[in-house]
Amino acid sequence: MKYLIWVGSAEKDLEALPAAVQDELRAALTVAQYGGKSDKAVPMRGDLREVTEIKVKGLSATYRVMYTTKIGDEIYVLDAFQKKSKSGIATPKKNLDRLRQRLKWSREYGEEY
């Protein structure tokens, strides 16, 4: 089993989501901890291809958790948020920028240990 390392405010942000959504997202993370991949998890593309995104649809919004298993033997949970955009499925730029920053930190942290 791999341990979860929560980066930045990711755990706090997850706890702010609706309870039913939290349960689904945490279940998908548990699958990853045991070496599997949830059917709700998809890899990102481009410079973030080592990041996996878990998507859960709620009644009126979509919720996401981003993580990577590509650093050491742990899972770095990089972000959790509600997608608020009304058009398209793309992740908002501010979230992508935060994700890149947290991934960079995780790589540096992982190299130290």
N, C-alpha and C. Protein backbone atom coordinates (compact mmCIF):
# COMPACT_ATOMS: atom_id res chain seq x y z
N MET A 1 0.84 -1.19 0.00
CA MET A 1 0.00 0.00 0.00
C MET A 1 0.88 1.25 0.00
N LYS A 2 0.54 2.19 -0.83
CA LYS A 2 1.26 3.46 -0.90
C LYS A 2 0.60 4.47 0.05
N TYR A 3 1.43 5.32 0.62
CA TYR A 3 0.92 6.37 1.49
C TYR A 3 0.53 7.60 0.68
N LEU A 4 -0.47 8.33 1.18
CA LEU A 4 -0.88 9.58 0.56
C LEU A 4 -0.11 10.73 1.18
N ILE A 5 0.44 11.59 0.34
CA ILE A 5 1.05 12.83 0.79
C ILE A 5 0.20 13.95 0.20
N TRP A 6 -0.41 14.72 1.08
CA TRP A 6 -1.29 15.81 0.65
C TRP A 6 -0.45 17.07 0.46
N VAL A 7 -0.53 17.66 -0.71
CA VAL A 7 0.28 18.82 -1.05
C VAL A 7 -0.56 20.09 -0.94
N GLY A 8 0.02 21.11 -0.31
CA GLY A 8 -0.68 22.38 -0.16
C GLY A 8 -1.99 22.21 0.60
N SER A 9 -3.04 22.78 0.07
CA SER A 9 -4.36 22.74 0.72
C SER A 9 -5.25 21.62 0.18
N ALA A 10 -4.68 20.65 -0.53
CA ALA A 10 -5.48 19.62 -1.20
C ALA A 10 -6.42 18.88 -0.24
N GLU A 11 -5.91 18.48 0.92
CA GLU A 11 -6.77 17.73 1.85
C GLU A 11 -7.89 18.61 2.41
N LYS A 12 -7.55 19.82 2.76
CA LYS A 12 -8.56 20.77 3.26
C LYS A 12 -9.61 21.06 2.18
N ASP A 13 -9.14 21.21 0.95
CA ASP A 13 -10.06 21.47 -0.16
C ASP A 13 -11.00 20.28 -0.40
N LEU A 14 -10.46 19.07 -0.28
CA LEU A 14 -11.30 17.88 -0.43
C LEU A 14 -12.36 17.83 0.67
N GLU A 15 -11.97 18.15 1.90
CA GLU A 15 -12.90 18.12 3.02
C GLU A 15 -14.01 19.16 2.91
N ALA A 16 -13.80 20.17 2.07
CA ALA A 16 -14.82 21.21 1.87
C ALA A 16 -15.89 20.79 0.85
N LEU A 17 -15.65 19.70 0.15
CA LEU A 17 -16.62 19.23 -0.86
C LEU A 17 -17.76 18.46 -0.18
N PRO A 18 -18.88 18.27 -0.88
CA PRO A 18 -20.00 17.52 -0.30
C PRO A 18 -19.56 16.11 0.14
N ALA A 19 -20.15 15.63 1.22
CA ALA A 19 -19.75 14.35 1.82
C ALA A 19 -19.81 13.18 0.84
N ALA A 20 -20.87 13.10 0.05
CA ALA A 20 -21.00 11.99 -0.90
C ALA A 20 -19.89 12.04 -1.96
N VAL A 21 -19.52 13.23 -2.38
CA VAL A 21 -18.46 13.41 -3.36
C VAL A 21 -17.12 13.01 -2.73
N GLN A 22 -16.90 13.46 -1.50
CA GLN A 22 -15.68 13.08 -0.78
C GLN A 22 -15.53 11.56 -0.73
N ASP A 23 -16.62 10.88 -0.41
CA ASP A 23 -16.58 9.42 -0.31
C ASP A 23 -16.14 8.78 -1.63
N GLU A 24 -16.69 9.26 -2.74
CA GLU A 24 -16.32 8.70 -4.05
C GLU A 24 -14.87 9.00 -4.40
N LEU A 25 -14.44 10.22 -4.12
CA LEU A 25 -13.06 10.61 -4.44
C LEU A 25 -12.07 9.83 -3.57
N ARG A 26 -12.38 9.69 -2.29
CA ARG A 26 -11.50 8.94 -1.38
C ARG A 26 -11.46 7.46 -1.77
N ALA A 27 -12.57 6.92 -2.20
CA ALA A 27 -12.59 5.52 -2.64
C ALA A 27 -11.68 5.33 -3.85
N ALA A 28 -11.70 6.27 -4.78
CA ALA A 28 -10.83 6.18 -5.95
C ALA A 28 -9.36 6.31 -5.55
N LEU A 29 -9.06 7.17 -4.57
CA LEU A 29 -7.69 7.29 -4.08
C LEU A 29 -7.24 5.99 -3.39
N THR A 30 -8.15 5.34 -2.69
CA THR A 30 -7.82 4.08 -2.03
C THR A 30 -7.46 3.01 -3.06
N VAL A 31 -8.19 2.97 -4.16
CA VAL A 31 -7.86 2.03 -5.24
C VAL A 31 -6.43 2.28 -5.71
N ALA A 32 -6.07 3.56 -5.89
CA ALA A 32 -4.71 3.91 -6.32
C ALA A 32 -3.67 3.49 -5.28
N GLN A 33 -4.01 3.64 -4.00
CA GLN A 33 -3.08 3.25 -2.94
C GLN A 33 -2.72 1.77 -3.02
N TYR A 34 -3.64 0.96 -3.48
CA TYR A 34 -3.41 -0.48 -3.58
C TYR A 34 -2.97 -0.90 -4.98
N GLY A 35 -2.54 0.07 -5.77
CA GLY A 35 -1.95 -0.24 -7.06
C GLY A 35 -2.92 -0.31 -8.23
N GLY A 36 -4.19 -0.02 -8.00
CA GLY A 36 -5.17 -0.08 -9.07
C GLY A 36 -5.46 1.30 -9.65
N LYS A 37 -6.43 1.32 -10.53
CA LYS A 37 -6.86 2.58 -11.13
C LYS A 37 -8.38 2.57 -11.21
N SER A 38 -8.99 3.52 -10.57
CA SER A 38 -10.44 3.66 -10.58
C SER A 38 -10.95 3.95 -11.98
N ASP A 39 -12.18 3.54 -12.26
CA ASP A 39 -12.78 3.85 -13.55
C ASP A 39 -13.09 5.34 -13.68
N LYS A 40 -12.98 6.08 -12.58
CA LYS A 40 -13.19 7.52 -12.59
C LYS A 40 -11.87 8.28 -12.83
N ALA A 41 -10.76 7.56 -12.92
CA ALA A 41 -9.44 8.18 -13.05
C ALA A 41 -8.97 8.16 -14.50
N VAL A 42 -8.46 9.31 -14.96
CA VAL A 42 -7.91 9.41 -16.32
C VAL A 42 -6.60 10.20 -16.26
N PRO A 43 -5.63 9.82 -17.09
CA PRO A 43 -4.38 10.58 -17.12
C PRO A 43 -4.57 11.92 -17.81
N MET A 44 -3.81 12.90 -17.35
CA MET A 44 -3.84 14.20 -18.01
C MET A 44 -2.89 14.14 -19.21
N ARG A 45 -2.83 15.21 -19.97
CA ARG A 45 -2.02 15.24 -21.19
C ARG A 45 -0.94 16.30 -21.10
N GLY A 46 -0.07 16.27 -22.09
CA GLY A 46 0.96 17.30 -22.20
C GLY A 46 1.97 17.24 -21.07
N ASP A 47 2.34 18.42 -20.56
CA ASP A 47 3.36 18.48 -19.52
C ASP A 47 2.86 17.92 -18.18
N LEU A 48 1.58 17.64 -18.08
CA LEU A 48 1.00 17.07 -16.85
C LEU A 48 0.63 15.61 -17.03
N ARG A 49 1.23 14.93 -17.99
CA ARG A 49 0.85 13.54 -18.30
C ARG A 49 1.12 12.56 -17.17
N GLU A 50 1.97 12.93 -16.21
CA GLU A 50 2.20 12.03 -15.07
C GLU A 50 1.18 12.23 -13.95
N VAL A 51 0.24 13.14 -14.18
CA VAL A 51 -0.83 13.41 -13.21
C VAL A 51 -2.09 12.66 -13.63
N THR A 52 -2.75 12.08 -12.65
CA THR A 52 -4.03 11.41 -12.88
C THR A 52 -5.14 12.26 -12.28
N GLU A 53 -6.23 12.35 -12.99
CA GLU A 53 -7.37 13.16 -12.57
C GLU A 53 -8.55 12.23 -12.27
N ILE A 54 -9.13 12.39 -11.10
CA ILE A 54 -10.35 11.66 -10.74
C ILE A 54 -11.50 12.65 -10.89
N LYS A 55 -12.51 12.25 -11.65
CA LYS A 55 -13.68 13.11 -11.88
C LYS A 55 -14.92 12.45 -11.29
N VAL A 56 -15.67 13.24 -10.53
CA VAL A 56 -16.94 12.77 -9.97
C VAL A 56 -17.99 13.83 -10.27
N LYS A 57 -19.09 13.41 -10.84
CA LYS A 57 -20.18 14.34 -11.13
C LYS A 57 -21.15 14.35 -9.97
N GLY A 58 -21.44 15.56 -9.48
CA GLY A 58 -22.45 15.74 -8.46
C GLY A 58 -23.75 16.15 -9.11
N LEU A 59 -24.70 16.59 -8.32
CA LEU A 59 -26.00 16.99 -8.86
C LEU A 59 -25.90 18.21 -9.77
N SER A 60 -25.06 19.17 -9.38
CA SER A 60 -25.00 20.40 -10.17
C SER A 60 -23.59 20.82 -10.55
N ALA A 61 -22.60 19.97 -10.28
CA ALA A 61 -21.22 20.34 -10.58
C ALA A 61 -20.37 19.09 -10.76
N THR A 62 -19.16 19.30 -11.26
CA THR A 62 -18.18 18.23 -11.38
C THR A 62 -17.05 18.53 -10.39
N TYR A 63 -16.57 17.49 -9.74
CA TYR A 63 -15.52 17.63 -8.74
C TYR A 63 -14.31 16.83 -9.19
N ARG A 64 -13.13 17.33 -8.84
CA ARG A 64 -11.91 16.68 -9.31
C ARG A 64 -10.87 16.60 -8.20
N VAL A 65 -10.09 15.53 -8.26
CA VAL A 65 -8.89 15.37 -7.45
C VAL A 65 -7.78 14.99 -8.40
N MET A 66 -6.62 15.63 -8.23
CA MET A 66 -5.46 15.35 -9.07
C MET A 66 -4.37 14.73 -8.21
N TYR A 67 -3.73 13.68 -8.73
CA TYR A 67 -2.65 13.05 -7.98
C TYR A 67 -1.61 12.47 -8.94
N THR A 68 -0.44 12.15 -8.37
CA THR A 68 0.58 11.47 -9.16
C THR A 68 1.16 10.32 -8.35
N THR A 69 1.46 9.25 -9.04
CA THR A 69 2.11 8.09 -8.43
C THR A 69 3.52 7.94 -8.99
N LYS A 70 4.00 8.91 -9.73
CA LYS A 70 5.26 8.81 -10.46
C LYS A 70 6.47 9.29 -9.66
N ILE A 71 6.29 9.62 -8.39
CA ILE A 71 7.39 10.12 -7.57
C ILE A 71 7.57 9.16 -6.38
N GLY A 72 8.66 8.44 -6.36
CA GLY A 72 8.93 7.55 -5.25
C GLY A 72 7.85 6.49 -5.07
N ASP A 73 7.64 6.11 -3.83
CA ASP A 73 6.66 5.06 -3.51
C ASP A 73 5.39 5.61 -2.90
N GLU A 74 5.17 6.91 -2.99
CA GLU A 74 3.99 7.52 -2.41
C GLU A 74 3.07 8.06 -3.51
N ILE A 75 1.88 8.43 -3.08
CA ILE A 75 0.93 9.11 -3.96
C ILE A 75 0.85 10.55 -3.46
N TYR A 76 1.16 11.47 -4.34
CA TYR A 76 1.07 12.88 -4.00
C TYR A 76 -0.28 13.40 -4.50
N VAL A 77 -1.14 13.78 -3.55
CA VAL A 77 -2.44 14.35 -3.90
C VAL A 77 -2.21 15.85 -4.07
N LEU A 78 -2.37 16.32 -5.29
CA LEU A 78 -1.94 17.67 -5.65
C LEU A 78 -3.03 18.72 -5.56
N ASP A 79 -4.28 18.35 -5.78
CA ASP A 79 -5.34 19.34 -5.79
C ASP A 79 -6.70 18.67 -5.69
N ALA A 80 -7.65 19.39 -5.18
CA ALA A 80 -9.05 18.96 -5.12
C ALA A 80 -9.90 20.21 -5.29
N PHE A 81 -10.88 20.14 -6.18
CA PHE A 81 -11.70 21.33 -6.41
C PHE A 81 -13.00 20.98 -7.12
N GLN A 82 -13.90 21.96 -7.08
CA GLN A 82 -15.15 21.88 -7.84
C GLN A 82 -14.93 22.64 -9.14
N LYS A 83 -15.21 22.01 -10.26
CA LYS A 83 -15.08 22.68 -11.55
C LYS A 83 -16.31 23.56 -11.73
N LYS A 84 -16.06 24.85 -11.87
CA LYS A 84 -17.16 25.80 -11.92
C LYS A 84 -17.49 26.28 -13.32
N SER A 85 -16.62 26.03 -14.27
CA SER A 85 -16.83 26.51 -15.63
C SER A 85 -18.12 25.95 -16.21
N LYS A 86 -18.86 26.79 -16.85
CA LYS A 86 -20.13 26.38 -17.45
C LYS A 86 -19.95 25.84 -18.87
N SER A 87 -18.80 26.13 -19.47
CA SER A 87 -18.60 25.69 -20.84
C SER A 87 -17.34 24.85 -20.96
N GLY A 88 -17.45 23.77 -21.68
CA GLY A 88 -16.29 22.93 -21.94
C GLY A 88 -15.90 22.05 -20.75
N ILE A 89 -14.99 21.13 -21.04
CA ILE A 89 -14.55 20.20 -20.00
C ILE A 89 -13.13 20.50 -19.54
N ALA A 90 -12.52 21.51 -20.13
CA ALA A 90 -11.13 21.84 -19.82
C ALA A 90 -10.99 22.30 -18.37
N THR A 91 -9.86 21.95 -17.78
CA THR A 91 -9.54 22.39 -16.43
C THR A 91 -9.14 23.87 -16.51
N PRO A 92 -9.69 24.70 -15.61
CA PRO A 92 -9.37 26.13 -15.64
C PRO A 92 -7.87 26.40 -15.50
N LYS A 93 -7.39 27.43 -16.16
CA LYS A 93 -5.97 27.77 -16.17
C LYS A 93 -5.41 27.95 -14.76
N LYS A 94 -6.14 28.62 -13.87
CA LYS A 94 -5.62 28.84 -12.52
C LYS A 94 -5.38 27.51 -11.81
N ASN A 95 -6.23 26.52 -12.05
CA ASN A 95 -6.04 25.21 -11.45
C ASN A 95 -4.84 24.50 -12.06
N LEU A 96 -4.65 24.65 -13.37
CA LEU A 96 -3.50 24.03 -14.03
C LEU A 96 -2.19 24.65 -13.54
N ASP A 97 -2.18 25.97 -13.36
CA ASP A 97 -0.98 26.64 -12.85
C ASP A 97 -0.65 26.15 -11.44
N ARG A 98 -1.66 26.06 -10.58
CA ARG A 98 -1.45 25.56 -9.21
C ARG A 98 -0.97 24.12 -9.24
N LEU A 99 -1.54 23.33 -10.13
CA LEU A 99 -1.15 21.93 -10.27
C LEU A 99 0.31 21.80 -10.68
N ARG A 100 0.74 22.60 -11.64
CA ARG A 100 2.14 22.57 -12.08
C ARG A 100 3.09 22.95 -10.93
N GLN A 101 2.69 23.95 -10.17
CA GLN A 101 3.51 24.39 -9.05
C GLN A 101 3.62 23.29 -7.98
N ARG A 102 2.51 22.66 -7.67
CA ARG A 102 2.51 21.60 -6.66
C ARG A 102 3.23 20.35 -7.15
N LEU A 103 3.14 20.05 -8.43
CA LEU A 103 3.87 18.91 -8.99
C LEU A 103 5.38 19.17 -8.91
N LYS A 104 5.79 20.38 -9.22
CA LYS A 104 7.21 20.75 -9.13
C LYS A 104 7.69 20.58 -7.70
N TRP A 105 6.93 21.08 -6.73
CA TRP A 105 7.31 20.94 -5.33
C TRP A 105 7.41 19.47 -4.95
N SER A 106 6.45 18.66 -5.40
CA SER A 106 6.43 17.24 -5.06
C SER A 106 7.67 16.52 -5.60
N ARG A 107 8.06 16.87 -6.82
CA ARG A 107 9.28 16.26 -7.40
C ARG A 107 10.50 16.61 -6.55
N GLU A 108 10.61 17.87 -6.17
CA GLU A 108 11.75 18.31 -5.35
C GLU A 108 11.72 17.62 -3.99
N TYR A 109 10.54 17.56 -3.37
CA TYR A 109 10.40 16.92 -2.07
C TYR A 109 10.73 15.43 -2.18
N GLY A 110 10.24 14.78 -3.21
CA GLY A 110 10.47 13.36 -3.41
C GLY A 110 11.94 13.02 -3.62
N GLU A 111 12.69 13.91 -4.25
CA GLU A 111 14.11 13.68 -4.47
C GLU A 111 14.89 13.75 -3.17
N GLU A 112 14.41 14.55 -2.22
CA GLU A 112 15.10 14.70 -0.93
C GLU A 112 14.95 13.46 -0.06
N TYR A 113 13.88 12.69 -0.26
CA TYR A 113 13.61 11.54 0.61
C TYR A 113 13.59 10.24 -0.11
